[in-house]
Amino acid sequence: MSPVEDSRASRAERKRTYKEAAVPMGIYAIRNRVNGKVFVGHSLNLPAMFNRIRFEFAQRMHRVPELQADWERHGEAAFSFEVLDKLEPLDEPGPT
């Protein structure tokens, strides 16, 4: 096997491993520590959801205007992102 073929095989293996890795999914909360308000949501990909929410806040386009206003008023330091419950993937996915 040439170095190029070996590199491609290695890349393909890393890609397959990444796709097969279980992504954390579950229930999360965004907690405003200043006023005690809590937003609860769910996601099939918790890390991606936390990134999305931070991006939405930064772009001033979060889908909950009251939460966006609190973020702008108090800043990121006033909020915590918490995982309330992790869900385990099903061994055999079926209809939902």
PDB file of N, CA and C in Angstrom:
ATOM      1  N   MET A   1       0.851  -1.170   0.000  1.00  0.00           N
ATOM      2  CA  MET A   1       0.000   0.000   0.000  1.00  0.00           C
ATOM      3  C   MET A   1       0.898   1.235   0.000  1.00  0.00           C
ATOM      4  N   SER A   2       0.613   2.161  -0.893  1.00  0.00           N
ATOM      5  CA  SER A   2       1.412   3.382  -0.976  1.00  0.00           C
ATOM      6  C   SER A   2       1.061   4.308   0.188  1.00  0.00           C
ATOM      7  N   PRO A   3       1.942   5.273   0.478  1.00  0.00           N
ATOM      8  CA  PRO A   3       1.653   6.221   1.564  1.00  0.00           C
ATOM      9  C   PRO A   3       0.341   6.980   1.346  1.00  0.00           C
ATOM     10  N   VAL A   4       0.029   7.299   0.096  1.00  0.00           N
ATOM     11  CA  VAL A   4      -1.216   8.016  -0.200  1.00  0.00           C
ATOM     12  C   VAL A   4      -2.417   7.126   0.096  1.00  0.00           C
ATOM     13  N   GLU A   5      -2.340   5.867  -0.334  1.00  0.00           N
ATOM     14  CA  GLU A   5      -3.440   4.932  -0.075  1.00  0.00           C
ATOM     15  C   GLU A   5      -3.594   4.688   1.423  1.00  0.00           C
ATOM     16  N   ASP A   6      -2.449   4.572   2.116  1.00  0.00           N
ATOM     17  CA  ASP A   6      -2.484   4.364   3.560  1.00  0.00           C
ATOM     18  C   ASP A   6      -3.129   5.565   4.251  1.00  0.00           C
ATOM     19  N   SER A   7      -2.795   6.765   3.799  1.00  0.00           N
ATOM     20  CA  SER A   7      -3.366   7.982   4.365  1.00  0.00           C
ATOM     21  C   SER A   7      -4.873   8.031   4.132  1.00  0.00           C
ATOM     22  N   ARG A   8      -5.300   7.648   2.940  1.00  0.00           N
ATOM     23  CA  ARG A   8      -6.737   7.629   2.628  1.00  0.00           C
ATOM     24  C   ARG A   8      -7.464   6.605   3.488  1.00  0.00           C
ATOM     25  N   ALA A   9      -6.859   5.432   3.659  1.00  0.00           N
ATOM     26  CA  ALA A   9      -7.473   4.387   4.479  1.00  0.00           C
ATOM     27  C   ALA A   9      -7.577   4.859   5.929  1.00  0.00           C
ATOM     28  N   SER A  10      -6.521   5.503   6.411  1.00  0.00           N
ATOM     29  CA  SER A  10      -6.519   6.011   7.777  1.00  0.00           C
ATOM     30  C   SER A  10      -7.596   7.083   7.946  1.00  0.00           C
ATOM     31  N   ARG A  11      -7.706   7.950   6.968  1.00  0.00           N
ATOM     32  CA  ARG A  11      -8.721   9.009   7.013  1.00  0.00           C
ATOM     33  C   ARG A  11     -10.117   8.405   6.994  1.00  0.00           C
ATOM     34  N   ALA A  12     -10.325   7.413   6.145  1.00  0.00           N
ATOM     35  CA  ALA A  12     -11.624   6.746   6.062  1.00  0.00           C
ATOM     36  C   ALA A  12     -11.967   6.074   7.389  1.00  0.00           C
ATOM     37  N   GLU A  13     -10.975   5.471   8.023  1.00  0.00           N
ATOM     38  CA  GLU A  13     -11.199   4.821   9.316  1.00  0.00           C
ATOM     39  C   GLU A  13     -11.563   5.849  10.388  1.00  0.00           C
ATOM     40  N   ARG A  14     -10.863   6.978  10.422  1.00  0.00           N
ATOM     41  CA  ARG A  14     -11.178   8.035  11.389  1.00  0.00           C
ATOM     42  C   ARG A  14     -12.586   8.577  11.153  1.00  0.00           C
ATOM     43  N   LYS A  15     -12.947   8.743   9.894  1.00  0.00           N
ATOM     44  CA  LYS A  15     -14.276   9.238   9.545  1.00  0.00           C
ATOM     45  C   LYS A  15     -15.354   8.256  10.004  1.00  0.00           C
ATOM     46  N   ARG A  16     -15.129   6.962   9.778  1.00  0.00           N
ATOM     47  CA  ARG A  16     -16.091   5.939  10.178  1.00  0.00           C
ATOM     48  C   ARG A  16     -16.232   5.919  11.697  1.00  0.00           C
ATOM     49  N   THR A  17     -15.109   5.985  12.398  1.00  0.00           N
ATOM     50  CA  THR A  17     -15.125   5.981  13.862  1.00  0.00           C
ATOM     51  C   THR A  17     -15.888   7.187  14.395  1.00  0.00           C
ATOM     52  N   TYR A  18     -15.659   8.354  13.794  1.00  0.00           N
ATOM     53  CA  TYR A  18     -16.352   9.576  14.211  1.00  0.00           C
ATOM     54  C   TYR A  18     -17.862   9.432  14.029  1.00  0.00           C
ATOM     55  N   LYS A  19     -18.273   8.908  12.889  1.00  0.00           N
ATOM     56  CA  LYS A  19     -19.700   8.763  12.604  1.00  0.00           C
ATOM     57  C   LYS A  19     -20.370   7.751  13.524  1.00  0.00           C
ATOM     58  N   GLU A  20     -19.618   6.749  13.969  1.00  0.00           N
ATOM     59  CA  GLU A  20     -20.185   5.719  14.833  1.00  0.00           C
ATOM     60  C   GLU A  20     -20.182   6.112  16.311  1.00  0.00           C
ATOM     61  N   ALA A  21     -19.442   7.141  16.651  1.00  0.00           N
ATOM     62  CA  ALA A  21     -19.364   7.565  18.052  1.00  0.00           C
ATOM     63  C   ALA A  21     -20.728   8.079  18.512  1.00  0.00           C
ATOM     64  N   ALA A  22     -21.102   7.703  19.707  1.00  0.00           N
ATOM     65  CA  ALA A  22     -22.373   8.158  20.259  1.00  0.00           C
ATOM     66  C   ALA A  22     -22.274   9.636  20.621  1.00  0.00           C
ATOM     67  N   VAL A  23     -23.215  10.415  20.146  1.00  0.00           N
ATOM     68  CA  VAL A  23     -23.267  11.840  20.443  1.00  0.00           C
ATOM     69  C   VAL A  23     -24.145  12.025  21.685  1.00  0.00           C
ATOM     70  N   PRO A  24     -23.672  12.785  22.677  1.00  0.00           N
ATOM     71  CA  PRO A  24     -24.494  12.985  23.872  1.00  0.00           C
ATOM     72  C   PRO A  24     -25.809  13.680  23.527  1.00  0.00           C
ATOM     73  N   MET A  25     -26.909  13.079  23.943  1.00  0.00           N
ATOM     74  CA  MET A  25     -28.221  13.676  23.715  1.00  0.00           C
ATOM     75  C   MET A  25     -28.976  13.689  25.031  1.00  0.00           C
ATOM     76  N   GLY A  26     -29.926  14.617  25.143  1.00  0.00           N
ATOM     77  CA  GLY A  26     -30.690  14.653  26.377  1.00  0.00           C
ATOM     78  C   GLY A  26     -31.396  15.967  26.624  1.00  0.00           C
ATOM     79  N   ILE A  27     -31.641  16.228  27.901  1.00  0.00           N
ATOM     80  CA  ILE A  27     -32.372  17.402  28.362  1.00  0.00           C
ATOM     81  C   ILE A  27     -31.357  18.379  28.964  1.00  0.00           C
ATOM     82  N   TYR A  28     -31.502  19.658  28.623  1.00  0.00           N
ATOM     83  CA  TYR A  28     -30.562  20.660  29.120  1.00  0.00           C
ATOM     84  C   TYR A  28     -31.318  21.852  29.703  1.00  0.00           C
ATOM     85  N   ALA A  29     -30.594  22.657  30.462  1.00  0.00           N
ATOM     86  CA  ALA A  29     -31.159  23.883  31.026  1.00  0.00           C
ATOM     87  C   ALA A  29     -30.170  25.022  30.831  1.00  0.00           C
ATOM     88  N   ILE A  30     -30.716  26.184  30.543  1.00  0.00           N
ATOM     89  CA  ILE A  30     -29.942  27.422  30.542  1.00  0.00           C
ATOM     90  C   ILE A  30     -30.462  28.199  31.742  1.00  0.00           C
ATOM     91  N   ARG A  31     -29.602  28.407  32.720  1.00  0.00           N
ATOM     92  CA  ARG A  31     -30.029  29.009  33.983  1.00  0.00           C
ATOM     93  C   ARG A  31     -29.456  30.421  34.110  1.00  0.00           C
ATOM     94  N   ASN A  32     -30.353  31.385  34.354  1.00  0.00           N
ATOM     95  CA  ASN A  32     -29.948  32.754  34.630  1.00  0.00           C
ATOM     96  C   ASN A  32     -29.725  32.847  36.137  1.00  0.00           C
ATOM     97  N   ARG A  33     -28.483  32.999  36.542  1.00  0.00           N
ATOM     98  CA  ARG A  33     -28.150  33.004  37.970  1.00  0.00           C
ATOM     99  C   ARG A  33     -28.501  34.321  38.654  1.00  0.00           C
ATOM    100  N   VAL A  34     -28.809  35.351  37.870  1.00  0.00           N
ATOM    101  CA  VAL A  34     -29.174  36.642  38.456  1.00  0.00           C
ATOM    102  C   VAL A  34     -30.630  36.646  38.910  1.00  0.00           C
ATOM    103  N   ASN A  35     -31.544  36.219  38.023  1.00  0.00           N
ATOM    104  CA  ASN A  35     -32.967  36.292  38.360  1.00  0.00           C
ATOM    105  C   ASN A  35     -33.622  34.920  38.572  1.00  0.00           C
ATOM    106  N   GLY A  36     -32.852  33.846  38.426  1.00  0.00           N
ATOM    107  CA  GLY A  36     -33.366  32.508  38.696  1.00  0.00           C
ATOM    108  C   GLY A  36     -34.185  31.880  37.587  1.00  0.00           C
ATOM    109  N   LYS A  37     -34.358  32.568  36.477  1.00  0.00           N
ATOM    110  CA  LYS A  37     -35.138  32.006  35.377  1.00  0.00           C
ATOM    111  C   LYS A  37     -34.372  30.859  34.730  1.00  0.00           C
ATOM    112  N   VAL A  38     -35.134  29.852  34.265  1.00  0.00           N
ATOM    113  CA  VAL A  38     -34.527  28.671  33.652  1.00  0.00           C
ATOM    114  C   VAL A  38     -35.249  28.356  32.352  1.00  0.00           C
ATOM    115  N   PHE A  39     -34.477  28.120  31.298  1.00  0.00           N
ATOM    116  CA  PHE A  39     -35.017  27.653  30.023  1.00  0.00           C
ATOM    117  C   PHE A  39     -34.611  26.191  29.896  1.00  0.00           C
ATOM    118  N   VAL A  40     -35.579  25.314  29.666  1.00  0.00           N
ATOM    119  CA  VAL A  40     -35.304  23.884  29.539  1.00  0.00           C
ATOM    120  C   VAL A  40     -35.597  23.461  28.108  1.00  0.00           C
ATOM    121  N   GLY A  41     -34.685  22.670  27.544  1.00  0.00           N
ATOM    122  CA  GLY A  41     -34.859  22.179  26.183  1.00  0.00           C
ATOM    123  C   GLY A  41     -34.319  20.769  26.050  1.00  0.00           C
ATOM    124  N   HIS A  42     -34.390  20.254  24.839  1.00  0.00           N
ATOM    125  CA  HIS A  42     -33.872  18.909  24.566  1.00  0.00           C
ATOM    126  C   HIS A  42     -33.143  18.928  23.237  1.00  0.00           C
ATOM    127  N   SER A  43     -32.225  17.989  23.072  1.00  0.00           N
ATOM    128  CA  SER A  43     -31.461  17.923  21.837  1.00  0.00           C
ATOM    129  C   SER A  43     -30.922  16.517  21.612  1.00  0.00           C
ATOM    130  N   LEU A  44     -30.807  16.157  20.345  1.00  0.00           N
ATOM    131  CA  LEU A  44     -30.171  14.899  19.973  1.00  0.00           C
ATOM    132  C   LEU A  44     -28.656  15.046  19.926  1.00  0.00           C
ATOM    133  N   ASN A  45     -28.161  16.290  20.066  1.00  0.00           N
ATOM    134  CA  ASN A  45     -26.727  16.561  20.048  1.00  0.00           C
ATOM    135  C   ASN A  45     -26.468  17.740  20.989  1.00  0.00           C
ATOM    136  N   LEU A  46     -26.206  17.446  22.245  1.00  0.00           N
ATOM    137  CA  LEU A  46     -26.057  18.499  23.251  1.00  0.00           C
ATOM    138  C   LEU A  46     -24.901  19.465  22.969  1.00  0.00           C
ATOM    139  N   PRO A  47     -23.702  18.987  22.627  1.00  0.00           N
ATOM    140  CA  PRO A  47     -22.625  19.947  22.352  1.00  0.00           C
ATOM    141  C   PRO A  47     -22.972  20.901  21.203  1.00  0.00           C
ATOM    142  N   ALA A  48     -23.588  20.382  20.156  1.00  0.00           N
ATOM    143  CA  ALA A  48     -23.977  21.232  19.026  1.00  0.00           C
ATOM    144  C   ALA A  48     -25.042  22.242  19.447  1.00  0.00           C
ATOM    145  N   MET A  49     -25.968  21.815  20.291  1.00  0.00           N
ATOM    146  CA  MET A  49     -27.023  22.724  20.752  1.00  0.00           C
ATOM    147  C   MET A  49     -26.436  23.857  21.581  1.00  0.00           C
ATOM    148  N   PHE A  50     -25.498  23.548  22.479  1.00  0.00           N
ATOM    149  CA  PHE A  50     -24.884  24.607  23.280  1.00  0.00           C
ATOM    150  C   PHE A  50     -24.130  25.594  22.379  1.00  0.00           C
ATOM    151  N   ASN A  51     -23.452  25.088  21.359  1.00  0.00           N
ATOM    152  CA  ASN A  51     -22.774  25.977  20.408  1.00  0.00           C
ATOM    153  C   ASN A  51     -23.781  26.851  19.676  1.00  0.00           C
ATOM    154  N   ARG A  52     -24.885  26.240  19.245  1.00  0.00           N
ATOM    155  CA  ARG A  52     -25.919  26.983  18.512  1.00  0.00           C
ATOM    156  C   ARG A  52     -26.500  28.096  19.375  1.00  0.00           C
ATOM    157  N   ILE A  53     -26.807  27.777  20.619  1.00  0.00           N
ATOM    158  CA  ILE A  53     -27.413  28.769  21.514  1.00  0.00           C
ATOM    159  C   ILE A  53     -26.461  29.935  21.749  1.00  0.00           C
ATOM    160  N   ARG A  54     -25.197  29.639  21.992  1.00  0.00           N
ATOM    161  CA  ARG A  54     -24.217  30.725  22.185  1.00  0.00           C
ATOM    162  C   ARG A  54     -24.100  31.586  20.922  1.00  0.00           C
ATOM    163  N   PHE A  55     -24.124  30.942  19.759  1.00  0.00           N
ATOM    164  CA  PHE A  55     -24.072  31.680  18.495  1.00  0.00           C
ATOM    165  C   PHE A  55     -25.303  32.576  18.354  1.00  0.00           C
ATOM    166  N   GLU A  56     -26.486  32.023  18.655  1.00  0.00           N
ATOM    167  CA  GLU A  56     -27.717  32.814  18.559  1.00  0.00           C
ATOM    168  C   GLU A  56     -27.655  34.025  19.489  1.00  0.00           C
ATOM    169  N   PHE A  57     -27.174  33.842  20.707  1.00  0.00           N
ATOM    170  CA  PHE A  57     -27.041  34.970  21.625  1.00  0.00           C
ATOM    171  C   PHE A  57     -26.080  36.013  21.056  1.00  0.00           C
ATOM    172  N   ALA A  58     -24.945  35.571  20.553  1.00  0.00           N
ATOM    173  CA  ALA A  58     -23.944  36.495  20.012  1.00  0.00           C
ATOM    174  C   ALA A  58     -24.482  37.281  18.822  1.00  0.00           C
ATOM    175  N   GLN A  59     -25.342  36.642  18.019  1.00  0.00           N
ATOM    176  CA  GLN A  59     -25.916  37.294  16.842  1.00  0.00           C
ATOM    177  C   GLN A  59     -27.214  38.040  17.162  1.00  0.00           C
ATOM    178  N   ARG A  60     -27.601  38.004  18.432  1.00  0.00           N
ATOM    179  CA  ARG A  60     -28.843  38.638  18.896  1.00  0.00           C
ATOM    180  C   ARG A  60     -30.068  38.099  18.158  1.00  0.00           C
ATOM    181  N   MET A  61     -30.116  36.776  18.033  1.00  0.00           N
ATOM    182  CA  MET A  61     -31.231  36.172  17.309  1.00  0.00           C
ATOM    183  C   MET A  61     -31.770  34.919  18.002  1.00  0.00           C
ATOM    184  N   HIS A  62     -31.641  34.851  19.324  1.00  0.00           N
ATOM    185  CA  HIS A  62     -32.180  33.690  20.034  1.00  0.00           C
ATOM    186  C   HIS A  62     -33.694  33.681  19.886  1.00  0.00           C
ATOM    187  N   ARG A  63     -34.260  32.483  19.787  1.00  0.00           N
ATOM    188  CA  ARG A  63     -35.694  32.344  19.502  1.00  0.00           C
ATOM    189  C   ARG A  63     -36.598  32.698  20.679  1.00  0.00           C
ATOM    190  N   VAL A  64     -36.023  32.934  21.860  1.00  0.00           N
ATOM    191  CA  VAL A  64     -36.805  33.369  23.026  1.00  0.00           C
ATOM    192  C   VAL A  64     -36.365  34.797  23.365  1.00  0.00           C
ATOM    193  N   PRO A  65     -37.152  35.792  22.926  1.00  0.00           N
ATOM    194  CA  PRO A  65     -36.741  37.193  23.110  1.00  0.00           C
ATOM    195  C   PRO A  65     -36.433  37.573  24.561  1.00  0.00           C
ATOM    196  N   GLU A  66     -37.190  37.056  25.523  1.00  0.00           N
ATOM    197  CA  GLU A  66     -36.952  37.390  26.927  1.00  0.00           C
ATOM    198  C   GLU A  66     -35.585  36.873  27.390  1.00  0.00           C
ATOM    199  N   LEU A  67     -35.232  35.684  26.938  1.00  0.00           N
ATOM    200  CA  LEU A  67     -33.931  35.110  27.281  1.00  0.00           C
ATOM    201  C   LEU A  67     -32.810  35.914  26.625  1.00  0.00           C
ATOM    202  N   GLN A  68     -33.029  36.317  25.379  1.00  0.00           N
ATOM    203  CA  GLN A  68     -32.046  37.145  24.669  1.00  0.00           C
ATOM    204  C   GLN A  68     -31.838  38.466  25.411  1.00  0.00           C
ATOM    205  N   ALA A  69     -32.931  39.076  25.856  1.00  0.00           N
ATOM    206  CA  ALA A  69     -32.835  40.350  26.581  1.00  0.00           C
ATOM    207  C   ALA A  69     -32.048  40.180  27.879  1.00  0.00           C
ATOM    208  N   ASP A  70     -32.294  39.082  28.601  1.00  0.00           N
ATOM    209  CA  ASP A  70     -31.539  38.822  29.831  1.00  0.00           C
ATOM    210  C   ASP A  70     -30.055  38.633  29.533  1.00  0.00           C
ATOM    211  N   TRP A  71     -29.743  37.934  28.445  1.00  0.00           N
ATOM    212  CA  TRP A  71     -28.351  37.707  28.047  1.00  0.00           C
ATOM    213  C   TRP A  71     -27.664  39.049  27.780  1.00  0.00           C
ATOM    214  N   GLU A  72     -28.355  39.935  27.080  1.00  0.00           N
ATOM    215  CA  GLU A  72     -27.774  41.242  26.761  1.00  0.00           C
ATOM    216  C   GLU A  72     -27.653  42.109  28.014  1.00  0.00           C
ATOM    217  N   ARG A  73     -28.612  41.988  28.915  1.00  0.00           N
ATOM    218  CA  ARG A  73     -28.620  42.795  30.138  1.00  0.00           C
ATOM    219  C   ARG A  73     -27.543  42.336  31.129  1.00  0.00           C
ATOM    220  N   HIS A  74     -27.430  41.024  31.329  1.00  0.00           N
ATOM    221  CA  HIS A  74     -26.553  40.497  32.381  1.00  0.00           C
ATOM    222  C   HIS A  74     -25.232  39.919  31.871  1.00  0.00           C
ATOM    223  N   GLY A  75     -25.163  39.548  30.600  1.00  0.00           N
ATOM    224  CA  GLY A  75     -23.938  38.990  30.033  1.00  0.00           C
ATOM    225  C   GLY A  75     -23.812  37.490  30.233  1.00  0.00           C
ATOM    226  N   GLU A  76     -22.891  36.907  29.496  1.00  0.00           N
ATOM    227  CA  GLU A  76     -22.695  35.451  29.506  1.00  0.00           C
ATOM    228  C   GLU A  76     -22.353  34.915  30.893  1.00  0.00           C
ATOM    229  N   ALA A  77     -21.615  35.687  31.674  1.00  0.00           N
ATOM    230  CA  ALA A  77     -21.182  35.219  32.996  1.00  0.00           C
ATOM    231  C   ALA A  77     -22.357  34.943  33.937  1.00  0.00           C
ATOM    232  N   ALA A  78     -23.524  35.503  33.647  1.00  0.00           N
ATOM    233  CA  ALA A  78     -24.695  35.314  34.506  1.00  0.00           C
ATOM    234  C   ALA A  78     -25.449  34.029  34.194  1.00  0.00           C
ATOM    235  N   PHE A  79     -25.012  33.284  33.185  1.00  0.00           N
ATOM    236  CA  PHE A  79     -25.737  32.097  32.746  1.00  0.00           C
ATOM    237  C   PHE A  79     -24.911  30.835  32.929  1.00  0.00           C
ATOM    238  N   SER A  80     -25.612  29.743  33.196  1.00  0.00           N
ATOM    239  CA  SER A  80     -24.959  28.433  33.213  1.00  0.00           C
ATOM    240  C   SER A  80     -25.715  27.513  32.264  1.00  0.00           C
ATOM    241  N   PHE A  81     -24.974  26.639  31.613  1.00  0.00           N
ATOM    242  CA  PHE A  81     -25.536  25.637  30.709  1.00  0.00           C
ATOM    243  C   PHE A  81     -25.361  24.295  31.401  1.00  0.00           C
ATOM    244  N   GLU A  82     -26.468  23.607  31.631  1.00  0.00           N
ATOM    245  CA  GLU A  82     -26.420  22.369  32.399  1.00  0.00           C
ATOM    246  C   GLU A  82     -27.104  21.238  31.646  1.00  0.00           C
ATOM    247  N   VAL A  83     -26.543  20.056  31.760  1.00  0.00           N
ATOM    248  CA  VAL A  83     -27.191  18.853  31.241  1.00  0.00           C
ATOM    249  C   VAL A  83     -27.988  18.263  32.397  1.00  0.00           C
ATOM    250  N   LEU A  84     -29.305  18.195  32.230  1.00  0.00           N
ATOM    251  CA  LEU A  84     -30.173  17.667  33.287  1.00  0.00           C
ATOM    252  C   LEU A  84     -30.287  16.156  33.231  1.00  0.00           C
ATOM    253  N   ASP A  85     -30.303  15.611  32.015  1.00  0.00           N
ATOM    254  CA  ASP A  85     -30.441  14.165  31.855  1.00  0.00           C
ATOM    255  C   ASP A  85     -29.873  13.768  30.504  1.00  0.00           C
ATOM    256  N   LYS A  86     -29.028  12.750  30.504  1.00  0.00           N
ATOM    257  CA  LYS A  86     -28.502  12.214  29.246  1.00  0.00           C
ATOM    258  C   LYS A  86     -29.334  11.012  28.842  1.00  0.00           C
ATOM    259  N   LEU A  87     -29.617  10.914  27.569  1.00  0.00           N
ATOM    260  CA  LEU A  87     -30.373   9.790  27.040  1.00  0.00           C
ATOM    261  C   LEU A  87     -29.423   8.839  26.346  1.00  0.00           C
ATOM    262  N   GLU A  88     -29.636   7.568  26.533  1.00  0.00           N
ATOM    263  CA  GLU A  88     -28.812   6.548  25.893  1.00  0.00           C
ATOM    264  C   GLU A  88     -29.396   6.220  24.523  1.00  0.00           C
ATOM    265  N   PRO A  89     -28.539   6.035  23.519  1.00  0.00           N
ATOM    266  CA  PRO A  89     -29.056   5.657  22.198  1.00  0.00           C
ATOM    267  C   PRO A  89     -29.673   4.261  22.250  1.00  0.00           C
ATOM    268  N   LEU A  90     -30.670   4.067  21.432  1.00  0.00           N
ATOM    269  CA  LEU A  90     -31.303   2.758  21.346  1.00  0.00           C
ATOM    270  C   LEU A  90     -30.381   1.793  20.624  1.00  0.00           C
ATOM    271  N   ASP A  91     -30.380   0.532  21.044  1.00  0.00           N
ATOM    272  CA  ASP A  91     -29.571  -0.472  20.358  1.00  0.00           C
ATOM    273  C   ASP A  91     -30.079  -0.692  18.943  1.00  0.00           C
ATOM    274  N   GLU A  92     -31.394  -0.716  18.807  1.00  0.00           N
ATOM    275  CA  GLU A  92     -32.009  -0.912  17.499  1.00  0.00           C
ATOM    276  C   GLU A  92     -33.014   0.201  17.265  1.00  0.00           C
ATOM    277  N   PRO A  93     -32.604   1.251  16.542  1.00  0.00           N
ATOM    278  CA  PRO A  93     -33.536   2.345  16.293  1.00  0.00           C
ATOM    279  C   PRO A  93     -34.772   1.844  15.550  1.00  0.00           C
ATOM    280  N   GLY A  94     -35.882   2.375  15.925  1.00  0.00           N
ATOM    281  CA  GLY A  94     -37.132   2.009  15.273  1.00  0.00           C
ATOM    282  C   GLY A  94     -37.958   3.253  15.020  1.00  0.00           C
ATOM    283  N   PRO A  95     -39.200   3.069  14.617  1.00  0.00           N
ATOM    284  CA  PRO A  95     -40.054   4.236  14.367  1.00  0.00           C
ATOM    285  C   PRO A  95     -40.301   5.005  15.659  1.00  0.00           C
ATOM    286  N   THR A  96     -40.395   6.308  15.536  1.00  0.00           N
ATOM    287  CA  THR A  96     -40.637   7.140  16.720  1.00  0.00           C
ATOM    288  C   THR A  96     -42.061   7.607  16.761  1.00  0.00           C
TER     289      THR A  96
END
